């Protein structure tokens, strides 16, 4: 099994086909907060992470949004695991994030990947991630 760093284009190609990732933000007391998220791709390239009303939540003001208001730096880790280790890969997207109202572009990007977001009111607000660095690795070349 060989190790291969991926170029940015290969990273984005893998992210485009992925269904979810883990978003890490900085909590003022605990340090790193990591939470699984879904995402859409916007032009730029940028990413949009929904805050939705589809899945149950304790509160709509999510900690990840509060964390980003305090410190906009974040990381989205997208990976693929299977027992055939020749097929492993990961992409790490360092970004700055901001809360944003739901735009048509964001909603289109999310609906195209996750049909449940097609229902009216399904997405309450979004986090838009502006990448600052993209790195990746694959067990075999791109």
Protein backbone atom coordinates (compact mmCIF):
# COMPACT_ATOMS: atom_id res chain seq x y z
CA UNK A 1 0.00 0.00 0.00
CA UNK A 2 1.49 3.38 -1.02
CA UNK A 3 0.83 6.80 0.50
CA UNK A 4 -0.20 9.69 -1.68
CA UNK A 5 -0.79 13.30 -0.87
CA UNK A 6 -3.61 14.61 -3.02
CA UNK A 7 -3.60 17.87 -4.95
CA UNK A 8 -6.43 20.32 -4.38
CA UNK A 9 -8.41 19.25 -7.46
CA UNK A 10 -8.34 15.61 -6.38
CA UNK A 11 -9.42 16.66 -2.87
CA UNK A 12 -12.43 18.59 -4.19
CA UNK A 13 -13.41 15.68 -6.46
CA UNK A 14 -13.53 13.36 -3.45
CA UNK A 15 -15.44 15.89 -1.33
CA UNK A 16 -17.98 16.36 -4.15
CA UNK A 17 -18.83 12.66 -3.98
CA UNK A 18 -18.93 12.43 -0.18
CA UNK A 19 -22.16 12.53 1.81
CA UNK A 20 -20.97 13.84 5.18
CA UNK A 21 -18.01 15.04 7.19
CA UNK A 22 -16.98 16.12 10.67
CA UNK A 23 -16.93 19.85 11.42
CA UNK A 24 -14.51 20.96 14.14
CA UNK A 25 -14.91 24.37 15.77
CA UNK A 26 -13.24 25.99 18.77
CA UNK A 27 -15.21 26.04 22.03
CA UNK A 28 -14.17 28.77 24.47
CA UNK A 29 -13.80 26.33 27.40
CA UNK A 30 -13.61 22.75 26.09
CA UNK A 31 -11.31 23.38 23.15
CA UNK A 32 -12.20 21.51 19.97
CA UNK A 33 -15.84 20.62 19.35
CA UNK A 34 -16.38 18.08 16.57
CA UNK A 35 -19.78 17.18 15.16
CA UNK A 36 -20.91 15.17 12.12
CA UNK A 37 -22.49 17.35 9.41
CA UNK A 38 -23.80 17.23 5.88
CA UNK A 39 -22.77 19.90 3.41
CA UNK A 40 -23.27 21.30 -0.05
CA UNK A 41 -20.77 22.77 -2.47
CA UNK A 42 -20.97 26.38 -3.61
CA UNK A 43 -18.98 28.26 -6.25
CA UNK A 44 -15.63 29.50 -5.13
CA UNK A 45 -15.27 26.70 -4.02
CA UNK A 46 -17.04 27.20 -0.73
CA UNK A 47 -19.15 24.89 1.38
CA UNK A 48 -22.52 25.33 3.03
CA UNK A 49 -23.49 23.46 6.20
CA UNK A 50 -27.19 23.59 7.09
CA UNK A 51 -28.79 24.22 10.43
CA UNK A 52 -32.02 22.41 9.80
CA UNK A 53 -35.39 21.72 11.32
CA UNK A 54 -35.46 18.17 9.90
CA UNK A 55 -33.50 16.33 12.60
CA UNK A 56 -34.37 16.63 16.32
CA UNK A 57 -32.28 19.12 18.31
CA UNK A 58 -32.20 20.25 21.92
CA UNK A 59 -32.11 23.85 20.72
CA UNK A 60 -31.91 25.64 17.38
CA UNK A 61 -29.02 27.90 18.48
CA UNK A 62 -26.39 25.23 17.97
CA UNK A 63 -23.05 25.30 19.75
CA UNK A 64 -21.19 25.19 16.43
CA UNK A 65 -22.83 28.49 15.45
CA UNK A 66 -21.91 30.07 18.80
CA UNK A 67 -18.34 28.77 18.45
CA UNK A 68 -17.99 30.27 14.97
CA UNK A 69 -19.29 33.63 16.16
CA UNK A 70 -16.46 33.66 18.73
CA UNK A 71 -13.78 32.22 16.45
CA UNK A 72 -14.53 31.73 12.74
CA UNK A 73 -11.71 29.23 12.19
CA UNK A 74 -12.88 25.67 11.59
CA UNK A 75 -11.94 22.41 9.91
CA UNK A 76 -14.14 20.06 7.90
CA UNK A 77 -12.77 16.51 7.75
CA UNK A 78 -14.25 14.28 5.05
CA UNK A 79 -13.05 10.70 4.85
CA UNK A 80 -13.73 7.27 3.43
CA UNK A 81 -13.13 4.05 5.34
CA UNK A 82 -13.59 0.46 4.33
CA UNK A 83 -11.93 -2.84 5.14
CA UNK A 84 -9.94 -2.67 1.90
CA UNK A 85 -7.31 -0.25 3.16
CA UNK A 86 -6.14 0.39 -0.40
CA UNK A 87 -9.33 2.48 -0.76
CA UNK A 88 -8.89 4.74 2.29
CA UNK A 89 -8.79 8.51 1.83
CA UNK A 90 -9.32 11.74 3.72
CA UNK A 91 -9.60 15.44 2.91
CA UNK A 92 -9.13 18.21 5.46
CA UNK A 93 -10.53 21.64 4.66
CA UNK A 94 -9.35 24.48 6.89
CA UNK A 95 -11.74 27.40 6.59
CA UNK A 96 -13.25 30.48 8.09
CA UNK A 97 -16.98 30.22 8.62
CA UNK A 98 -19.85 32.59 9.12
CA UNK A 99 -23.53 32.19 9.74
CA UNK A 100 -25.57 33.19 6.71
CA UNK A 101 -29.23 33.43 5.83
CA UNK A 102 -30.49 30.67 3.56
CA UNK A 103 -29.85 31.73 -0.04
CA UNK A 104 -31.20 30.17 -3.21
CA UNK A 105 -27.73 28.91 -4.14
CA UNK A 106 -27.24 27.32 -0.72
CA UNK A 107 -30.66 25.70 -0.79
CA UNK A 108 -30.07 24.36 -4.31
CA UNK A 109 -26.68 22.92 -3.28
CA UNK A 110 -28.24 21.19 -0.27
CA UNK A 111 -31.42 19.96 -2.00
CA UNK A 112 -29.43 18.41 -4.84
CA UNK A 113 -27.61 16.21 -2.32
CA UNK A 114 -30.25 15.73 0.39
CA UNK A 115 -33.85 15.69 -0.87
CA UNK A 116 -35.27 16.14 2.65
CA UNK A 117 -34.11 19.74 2.50
CA UNK A 118 -36.67 20.35 -0.25
CA UNK A 119 -39.45 20.79 2.30
CA UNK A 120 -40.36 24.41 3.10
CA UNK A 121 -38.60 25.60 6.27
CA UNK A 122 -36.30 22.56 6.41
CA UNK A 123 -33.16 24.72 6.49
CA UNK A 124 -33.29 27.45 9.16
CA UNK A 125 -29.87 29.05 8.62
CA UNK A 126 -26.51 28.03 7.21
CA UNK A 127 -22.82 28.15 7.91
CA UNK A 128 -20.77 29.15 4.88
CA UNK A 129 -17.18 27.89 4.92
CA UNK A 130 -14.54 29.79 2.96
CA UNK A 131 -11.54 27.44 2.59
CA UNK A 132 -8.09 28.70 3.53
CA UNK A 133 -6.23 25.40 2.95
CA UNK A 134 -7.18 22.03 1.50
CA UNK A 135 -5.09 18.91 2.02
CA UNK A 136 -5.74 15.25 1.48
CA UNK A 137 -4.34 11.78 1.36
CA UNK A 138 -5.31 8.53 -0.35
CA UNK A 139 -3.91 5.07 0.11
CA UNK A 140 -3.68 4.80 -3.68
CA UNK A 141 -3.25 7.63 -6.15
CA UNK A 142 -6.14 9.76 -7.33
